[in-house]
PDB file of N, CA and C in Angstrom:
ATOM      1  N   LYS A   1     -23.653  -8.789   8.301  1.00  0.00           N
ATOM      2  CA  LYS A   1     -24.742  -8.976   7.420  1.00  0.00           C
ATOM      3  C   LYS A   1     -24.708  -8.237   6.470  1.00  0.00           C
ATOM      4  N   PRO A   2     -24.376  -6.035   6.641  1.00  0.00           N
ATOM      5  CA  PRO A   2     -24.511  -5.878   5.569  1.00  0.00           C
ATOM      6  C   PRO A   2     -23.798  -6.293   3.886  1.00  0.00           C
ATOM      7  N   LYS A   3     -22.663  -6.508   4.285  1.00  0.00           N
ATOM      8  CA  LYS A   3     -22.458  -7.749   3.161  1.00  0.00           C
ATOM      9  C   LYS A   3     -22.585  -8.564   2.514  1.00  0.00           C
ATOM     10  N   TYR A   4     -23.826  -8.971   3.112  1.00  0.00           N
ATOM     11  CA  TYR A   4     -23.896 -10.162   2.062  1.00  0.00           C
ATOM     12  C   TYR A   4     -25.537  -9.912   1.760  1.00  0.00           C
ATOM     13  N   HIS A   5     -25.429  -8.753   2.355  1.00  0.00           N
ATOM     14  CA  HIS A   5     -26.886  -8.262   1.633  1.00  0.00           C
ATOM     15  C   HIS A   5     -26.883  -7.199  -0.153  1.00  0.00           C
ATOM     16  N   MET A   6     -25.146  -7.058   0.376  1.00  0.00           N
ATOM     17  CA  MET A   6     -24.664  -6.669  -1.100  1.00  0.00           C
ATOM     18  C   MET A   6     -24.137  -7.135  -1.763  1.00  0.00           C
ATOM     19  N   LEU A   7     -23.728  -8.626  -1.360  1.00  0.00           N
ATOM     20  CA  LEU A   7     -23.831  -9.644  -2.289  1.00  0.00           C
ATOM     21  C   LEU A   7     -24.737  -9.820  -3.139  1.00  0.00           C
ATOM     22  N   CYS A   8     -26.254 -10.150  -2.262  1.00  0.00           N
ATOM     23  CA  CYS A   8     -27.182 -10.229  -3.580  1.00  0.00           C
ATOM     24  C   CYS A   8     -27.431  -9.429  -4.403  1.00  0.00           C
ATOM     25  N   HIS A   9     -26.915  -8.358  -3.944  1.00  0.00           N
ATOM     26  CA  HIS A   9     -27.395  -7.421  -5.408  1.00  0.00           C
ATOM     27  C   HIS A   9     -26.449  -7.276  -6.254  1.00  0.00           C
ATOM     28  N   ALA A  10     -24.873  -7.656  -6.082  1.00  0.00           N
ATOM     29  CA  ALA A  10     -23.466  -8.591  -6.988  1.00  0.00           C
ATOM     30  C   ALA A  10     -24.326  -8.757  -8.879  1.00  0.00           C
ATOM     31  N   SER A  11     -24.457  -9.102  -9.007  1.00  0.00           N
ATOM     32  CA  SER A  11     -25.033  -9.621 -10.086  1.00  0.00           C
ATOM     33  C   SER A  11     -26.209  -8.673 -11.209  1.00  0.00           C
ATOM     34  N   TYR A  12     -26.254  -7.854 -10.349  1.00  0.00           N
ATOM     35  CA  TYR A  12     -27.361  -7.043 -11.286  1.00  0.00           C
ATOM     36  C   TYR A  12     -26.802  -5.788 -10.880  1.00  0.00           C
ATOM     37  N   TRP A  13     -25.886  -5.793 -10.241  1.00  0.00           N
ATOM     38  CA  TRP A  13     -25.260  -4.123 -10.501  1.00  0.00           C
ATOM     39  C   TRP A  13     -23.533  -3.901 -11.761  1.00  0.00           C
ATOM     40  N   MET A  14     -23.844  -6.116 -11.781  1.00  0.00           N
ATOM     41  CA  MET A  14     -22.302  -6.248 -13.164  1.00  0.00           C
ATOM     42  C   MET A  14     -23.101  -6.229 -14.461  1.00  0.00           C
ATOM     43  N   GLN A  15     -24.366  -6.502 -14.593  1.00  0.00           N
ATOM     44  CA  GLN A  15     -24.732  -6.682 -15.909  1.00  0.00           C
ATOM     45  C   GLN A  15     -25.227  -4.807 -16.014  1.00  0.00           C
ATOM     46  N   GLN A  16     -25.900  -4.289 -15.227  1.00  0.00           N
ATOM     47  CA  GLN A  16     -26.038  -2.817 -14.953  1.00  0.00           C
ATOM     48  C   GLN A  16     -24.459  -2.247 -15.605  1.00  0.00           C
ATOM     49  N   TYR A  17     -23.779  -2.128 -15.076  1.00  0.00           N
ATOM     50  CA  TYR A  17     -23.362  -1.086 -14.793  1.00  0.00           C
ATOM     51  C   TYR A  17     -21.670  -1.822 -15.480  1.00  0.00           C
ATOM     52  N   GLY A  18     -21.565  -2.720 -15.326  1.00  0.00           N
ATOM     53  CA  GLY A  18     -19.862  -3.503 -15.488  1.00  0.00           C
ATOM     54  C   GLY A  18     -19.653  -3.833 -14.083  1.00  0.00           C
ATOM     55  N   PRO A  19     -17.741  -4.120 -13.848  1.00  0.00           N
ATOM     56  CA  PRO A  19     -17.819  -4.472 -12.454  1.00  0.00           C
ATOM     57  C   PRO A  19     -17.882  -3.060 -11.282  1.00  0.00           C
ATOM     58  N   GLN A  20     -17.239  -3.321 -10.337  1.00  0.00           N
ATOM     59  CA  GLN A  20     -17.991  -2.543  -8.687  1.00  0.00           C
ATOM     60  C   GLN A  20     -15.891  -1.461  -9.037  1.00  0.00           C
ATOM     61  N   VAL A  21     -16.325  -0.367  -8.766  1.00  0.00           N
ATOM     62  CA  VAL A  21     -14.921   0.325  -9.148  1.00  0.00           C
ATOM     63  C   VAL A  21     -15.006   0.647  -7.185  1.00  0.00           C
ATOM     64  N   ASN A  22     -13.531  -0.022  -6.571  1.00  0.00           N
ATOM     65  CA  ASN A  22     -12.921   0.443  -5.299  1.00  0.00           C
ATOM     66  C   ASN A  22     -14.193   0.286  -4.844  1.00  0.00           C
ATOM     67  N   TYR A  23     -14.843  -1.663  -4.765  1.00  0.00           N
ATOM     68  CA  TYR A  23     -15.721  -2.031  -4.038  1.00  0.00           C
ATOM     69  C   TYR A  23     -14.779  -3.469  -3.069  1.00  0.00           C
ATOM     70  N   HIS A  24     -14.022  -3.651  -3.198  1.00  0.00           N
ATOM     71  CA  HIS A  24     -13.648  -4.747  -2.321  1.00  0.00           C
ATOM     72  C   HIS A  24     -12.299  -3.734  -0.948  1.00  0.00           C
ATOM     73  N   VAL A  25     -12.909  -3.827   0.321  1.00  0.00           N
ATOM     74  CA  VAL A  25     -11.643  -3.365   1.119  1.00  0.00           C
ATOM     75  C   VAL A  25     -11.363  -3.833   1.342  1.00  0.00           C
ATOM     76  N   GLU A  26     -11.186  -5.162   1.526  1.00  0.00           N
ATOM     77  CA  GLU A  26     -10.631  -5.740   2.309  1.00  0.00           C
ATOM     78  C   GLU A  26      -8.669  -5.234   2.369  1.00  0.00           C
ATOM     79  N   GLU A  27      -8.070  -4.826   1.183  1.00  0.00           N
ATOM     80  CA  GLU A  27      -7.241  -4.227   0.893  1.00  0.00           C
ATOM     81  C   GLU A  27      -7.089  -2.775   1.434  1.00  0.00           C
ATOM     82  N   GLU A  28      -7.827  -2.367   1.873  1.00  0.00           N
ATOM     83  CA  GLU A  28      -7.568  -1.230   2.159  1.00  0.00           C
ATOM     84  C   GLU A  28      -7.316  -1.553   3.897  1.00  0.00           C
ATOM     85  N   GLU A  29      -8.418  -2.395   4.219  1.00  0.00           N
ATOM     86  CA  GLU A  29      -8.418  -2.692   6.283  1.00  0.00           C
ATOM     87  C   GLU A  29      -6.580  -3.627   6.218  1.00  0.00           C
ATOM     88  N   ALA A  30      -6.566  -3.980   4.604  1.00  0.00           N
ATOM     89  CA  ALA A  30      -4.911  -4.974   5.442  1.00  0.00           C
ATOM     90  C   ALA A  30      -3.576  -3.275   5.350  1.00  0.00           C
ATOM     91  N   MET A  31      -4.093  -2.645   5.109  1.00  0.00           N
ATOM     92  CA  MET A  31      -3.229  -1.360   4.934  1.00  0.00           C
ATOM     93  C   MET A  31      -3.202  -0.670   6.290  1.00  0.00           C
ATOM     94  N   ASN A  32      -4.818  -0.667   6.422  1.00  0.00           N
ATOM     95  CA  ASN A  32      -4.870   0.247   7.638  1.00  0.00           C
ATOM     96  C   ASN A  32      -4.106  -0.046   9.015  1.00  0.00           C
ATOM     97  N   SER A  33      -3.920  -2.518   9.170  1.00  0.00           N
ATOM     98  CA  SER A  33      -3.331  -3.002   9.959  1.00  0.00           C
ATOM     99  C   SER A  33      -1.941  -3.047   9.417  1.00  0.00           C
ATOM    100  N   CYS A  34      -1.338  -2.900   8.227  1.00  0.00           N
ATOM    101  CA  CYS A  34       0.622  -2.319   8.784  1.00  0.00           C
ATOM    102  C   CYS A  34       0.332  -0.819   9.204  1.00  0.00           C
ATOM    103  N   LEU A  35      -0.806   0.057   8.716  1.00  0.00           N
ATOM    104  CA  LEU A  35      -0.441   1.396   9.140  1.00  0.00           C
ATOM    105  C   LEU A  35      -0.533   1.628  11.055  1.00  0.00           C
ATOM    106  N   ARG A  36      -1.185   0.702  11.571  1.00  0.00           N
ATOM    107  CA  ARG A  36      -0.884   0.599  12.517  1.00  0.00           C
ATOM    108  C   ARG A  36       0.091  -0.388  13.327  1.00  0.00           C
ATOM    109  N   LEU A  37       0.596  -1.090  12.835  1.00  0.00           N
ATOM    110  CA  LEU A  37       1.792  -1.714  12.946  1.00  0.00           C
ATOM    111  C   LEU A  37       3.134  -1.168  13.014  1.00  0.00           C
ATOM    112  N   GLN A  38       2.922   0.382  11.809  1.00  0.00           N
ATOM    113  CA  GLN A  38       4.304   0.775  12.125  1.00  0.00           C
ATOM    114  C   GLN A  38       4.109   1.780  12.750  1.00  0.00           C
ATOM    115  N   LEU A  39       2.835   2.697  13.454  1.00  0.00           N
ATOM    116  CA  LEU A  39       2.621   3.864  14.686  1.00  0.00           C
ATOM    117  C   LEU A  39       3.261   2.818  15.758  1.00  0.00           C
ATOM    118  N   GLU A  40       3.016   1.853  15.951  1.00  0.00           N
ATOM    119  CA  GLU A  40       3.530   1.134  17.489  1.00  0.00           C
ATOM    120  C   GLU A  40       4.779   1.484  17.860  1.00  0.00           C
ATOM    121  N   HIS A  41       5.788   2.162  16.617  1.00  0.00           N
ATOM    122  CA  HIS A  41       7.076   1.592  16.804  1.00  0.00           C
ATOM    123  C   HIS A  41       7.199   3.922  16.654  1.00  0.00           C
ATOM    124  N   SER A  42       6.557   4.252  16.479  1.00  0.00           N
ATOM    125  CA  SER A  42       6.325   5.969  16.230  1.00  0.00           C
ATOM    126  C   SER A  42       6.878   6.601  18.017  1.00  0.00           C
ATOM    127  N   ASN A  43       7.484   7.657  18.330  1.00  0.00           N
ATOM    128  CA  ASN A  43       6.787   8.248  19.109  1.00  0.00           C
ATOM    129  C   ASN A  43       4.975   9.170  19.353  1.00  0.00           C
ATOM    130  N   ARG A  44       4.734   9.507  18.246  1.00  0.00           N
ATOM    131  CA  ARG A  44       3.727  10.343  17.925  1.00  0.00           C
ATOM    132  C   ARG A  44       4.166  11.117  17.454  1.00  0.00           C
ATOM    133  N   GLN A  45       5.027  11.988  17.856  1.00  0.00           N
ATOM    134  CA  GLN A  45       4.806  13.405  18.164  1.00  0.00           C
ATOM    135  C   GLN A  45       4.323  13.698  16.160  1.00  0.00           C
ATOM    136  N   GLY A  46       5.363  12.862  14.609  1.00  0.00           N
ATOM    137  CA  GLY A  46       4.846  13.226  13.876  1.00  0.00           C
ATOM    138  C   GLY A  46       4.346  12.288  13.016  1.00  0.00           C
ATOM    139  N   PRO A  47       3.481  11.053  13.950  1.00  0.00           N
ATOM    140  CA  PRO A  47       2.983  10.806  13.127  1.00  0.00           C
ATOM    141  C   PRO A  47       2.925   9.989  11.330  1.00  0.00           C
ATOM    142  N   SER A  48       2.564  11.092  11.066  1.00  0.00           N
ATOM    143  CA  SER A  48       2.428  11.624   8.369  1.00  0.00           C
ATOM    144  C   SER A  48       4.202  11.214   8.979  1.00  0.00           C
ATOM    145  N   ARG A  49       5.188  12.078   9.201  1.00  0.00           N
ATOM    146  CA  ARG A  49       6.172  11.527   8.724  1.00  0.00           C
ATOM    147  C   ARG A  49       7.052  10.602   9.468  1.00  0.00           C
ATOM    148  N   ASP A  50       6.674  10.227  10.088  1.00  0.00           N
ATOM    149  CA  ASP A  50       7.053   8.762  10.935  1.00  0.00           C
ATOM    150  C   ASP A  50       6.956   7.794   9.923  1.00  0.00           C
ATOM    151  N   LEU A  51       5.265   7.562   9.231  1.00  0.00           N
ATOM    152  CA  LEU A  51       4.633   6.506   7.979  1.00  0.00           C
ATOM    153  C   LEU A  51       5.635   6.693   6.777  1.00  0.00           C
ATOM    154  N   ALA A  52       5.637   8.023   6.467  1.00  0.00           N
ATOM    155  CA  ALA A  52       6.037   8.175   4.994  1.00  0.00           C
ATOM    156  C   ALA A  52       7.535   8.715   5.231  1.00  0.00           C
ATOM    157  N   HIS A  53       8.446   7.537   6.532  1.00  0.00           N
ATOM    158  CA  HIS A  53       9.930   7.723   6.623  1.00  0.00           C
ATOM    159  C   HIS A  53      10.182   6.768   6.039  1.00  0.00           C
ATOM    160  N   ARG A  54       9.303   5.679   7.377  1.00  0.00           N
ATOM    161  CA  ARG A  54       9.454   4.050   7.181  1.00  0.00           C
ATOM    162  C   ARG A  54       8.903   3.582   5.328  1.00  0.00           C
ATOM    163  N   PHE A  55       7.195   4.066   4.918  1.00  0.00           N
ATOM    164  CA  PHE A  55       7.281   3.407   3.913  1.00  0.00           C
ATOM    165  C   PHE A  55       8.217   3.331   2.909  1.00  0.00           C
ATOM    166  N   ALA A  56       9.004   5.091   3.037  1.00  0.00           N
ATOM    167  CA  ALA A  56       9.769   4.760   1.441  1.00  0.00           C
ATOM    168  C   ALA A  56      11.252   4.522   2.330  1.00  0.00           C
ATOM    169  N   VAL A  57      11.665   3.698   3.821  1.00  0.00           N
ATOM    170  CA  VAL A  57      12.696   2.940   3.364  1.00  0.00           C
ATOM    171  C   VAL A  57      12.674   1.551   2.640  1.00  0.00           C
ATOM    172  N   SER A  58      11.008   1.242   3.418  1.00  0.00           N
ATOM    173  CA  SER A  58      10.731  -0.187   3.062  1.00  0.00           C
ATOM    174  C   SER A  58      10.696   0.056   1.263  1.00  0.00           C
ATOM    175  N   GLU A  59       9.883   0.932   0.419  1.00  0.00           N
ATOM    176  CA  GLU A  59       9.747   0.753  -1.088  1.00  0.00           C
ATOM    177  C   GLU A  59      11.485   0.603  -1.447  1.00  0.00           C
ATOM    178  N   GLY A  60      12.497   1.704  -1.344  1.00  0.00           N
ATOM    179  CA  GLY A  60      13.528   1.446  -1.500  1.00  0.00           C
ATOM    180  C   GLY A  60      14.200  -0.200  -1.011  1.00  0.00           C
ATOM    181  N   LEU A  61      13.981  -0.264  -0.508  1.00  0.00           N
ATOM    182  CA  LEU A  61      14.755  -1.592   0.328  1.00  0.00           C
ATOM    183  C   LEU A  61      14.048  -2.499  -1.147  1.00  0.00           C
ATOM    184  N   LYS A  62      12.747  -2.554  -1.331  1.00  0.00           N
ATOM    185  CA  LYS A  62      12.115  -3.651  -2.127  1.00  0.00           C
ATOM    186  C   LYS A  62      12.094  -3.331  -3.783  1.00  0.00           C
ATOM    187  N   PHE A  63      12.779  -2.037  -3.689  1.00  0.00           N
ATOM    188  CA  PHE A  63      13.708  -2.044  -5.338  1.00  0.00           C
ATOM    189  C   PHE A  63      14.361  -2.215  -5.110  1.00  0.00           C
ATOM    190  N   ILE A  64      15.354  -2.350  -4.238  1.00  0.00           N
ATOM    191  CA  ILE A  64      16.942  -3.389  -4.625  1.00  0.00           C
ATOM    192  C   ILE A  64      17.038  -4.405  -4.081  1.00  0.00           C
ATOM    193  N   LEU A  65      15.922  -5.001  -3.051  1.00  0.00           N
ATOM    194  CA  LEU A  65      15.993  -6.758  -3.641  1.00  0.00           C
ATOM    195  C   LEU A  65      15.448  -6.795  -5.192  1.00  0.00           C
ATOM    196  N   GLN A  66      14.567  -5.966  -5.647  1.00  0.00           N
ATOM    197  CA  GLN A  66      13.992  -7.174  -6.744  1.00  0.00           C
ATOM    198  C   GLN A  66      14.722  -6.174  -8.488  1.00  0.00           C
ATOM    199  N   GLY A  67      16.015  -6.279  -7.485  1.00  0.00           N
ATOM    200  CA  GLY A  67      16.961  -5.829  -9.290  1.00  0.00           C
ATOM    201  C   GLY A  67      16.836  -4.036  -9.392  1.00  0.00           C
ATOM    202  N   GLY A  68      16.146  -3.364  -8.448  1.00  0.00           N
ATOM    203  CA  GLY A  68      16.344  -2.247  -9.701  1.00  0.00           C
ATOM    204  C   GLY A  68      17.945  -1.278  -9.607  1.00  0.00           C
ATOM    205  N   ARG A  69      17.934  -0.586 -11.075  1.00  0.00           N
ATOM    206  CA  ARG A  69      18.649   0.195 -10.999  1.00  0.00           C
ATOM    207  C   ARG A  69      18.597   1.955 -10.612  1.00  0.00           C
ATOM    208  N   TRP A  70      20.079   2.147 -10.390  1.00  0.00           N
ATOM    209  CA  TRP A  70      19.992   3.832  -9.321  1.00  0.00           C
ATOM    210  C   TRP A  70      21.195   4.338  -9.958  1.00  0.00           C
ATOM    211  N   VAL A  71      21.369   5.814 -10.182  1.00  0.00           N
ATOM    212  CA  VAL A  71      22.983   6.402  -9.882  1.00  0.00           C
ATOM    213  C   VAL A  71      23.524   6.283  -8.792  1.00  0.00           C
ATOM    214  N   ASN A  72      24.586   6.100  -8.224  1.00  0.00           N
ATOM    215  CA  ASN A  72      25.214   6.638  -7.220  1.00  0.00           C
ATOM    216  C   ASN A  72      25.293   7.970  -7.187  1.00  0.00           C
ATOM    217  N   PRO A  73      25.130   8.883  -6.816  1.00  0.00           N
ATOM    218  CA  PRO A  73      24.947   9.739  -6.796  1.00  0.00           C
ATOM    219  C   PRO A  73      26.880  10.538  -6.550  1.00  0.00           C
ATOM    220  N   LYS A  74      27.294  10.246  -5.798  1.00  0.00           N
ATOM    221  CA  LYS A  74      29.032  10.935  -5.708  1.00  0.00           C
ATOM    222  C   LYS A  74      29.978   9.781  -6.662  1.00  0.00           C
ATOM    223  N   SER A  75      29.636   8.505  -7.337  1.00  0.00           N
ATOM    224  CA  SER A  75      30.156   8.636  -8.490  1.00  0.00           C
ATOM    225  C   SER A  75      29.630   9.002  -9.996  1.00  0.00           C
ATOM    226  N   LYS A  76      28.387   9.166  -9.633  1.00  0.00           N
ATOM    227  CA  LYS A  76      27.540   9.239 -10.437  1.00  0.00           C
ATOM    228  C   LYS A  76      27.552   8.198 -12.409  1.00  0.00           C
ATOM    229  N   GLU A  77      27.408   6.484 -10.922  1.00  0.00           N
ATOM    230  CA  GLU A  77      27.989   5.996 -11.821  1.00  0.00           C
ATOM    231  C   GLU A  77      26.210   4.971 -11.981  1.00  0.00           C
ATOM    232  N   LEU A  78      25.415   4.252 -12.929  1.00  0.00           N
ATOM    233  CA  LEU A  78      24.278   2.884 -12.620  1.00  0.00           C
ATOM    234  C   LEU A  78      25.014   2.191 -12.059  1.00  0.00           C
ATOM    235  N   CYS A  79      24.398   2.086 -10.967  1.00  0.00           N
ATOM    236  CA  CYS A  79      24.424   0.846  -9.685  1.00  0.00           C
ATOM    237  C   CYS A  79      23.164  -0.390 -10.052  1.00  0.00           C
ATOM    238  N   GLN A  80      23.492  -1.988  -9.886  1.00  0.00           N
ATOM    239  CA  GLN A  80      21.852  -2.269  -9.395  1.00  0.00           C
ATOM    240  C   GLN A  80      22.663  -3.632  -8.249  1.00  0.00           C
ATOM    241  N   ALA A  81      21.693  -3.740  -7.386  1.00  0.00           N
ATOM    242  CA  ALA A  81      22.429  -5.130  -6.500  1.00  0.00           C
ATOM    243  C   ALA A  81      22.945  -6.625  -7.240  1.00  0.00           C
TER     244      ALA A  81
END
């Protein structure tokens, strides 16, 4: 019920103060479920390190799949997938 009550006041707040910053929590809740999913496959000895490594790998893969460019450390040439 708290979300419904807050919605009753939303039009007044938007008229007075403009768009609400950080008001939507659905994205944060979705991120929380993603973190929990990643922690399922961890040994829980270093959860911060495990999460950082998994997200770095997934961001790197996303970068490559979206056609990103990088410098090959061995040949010093510009590469693209």
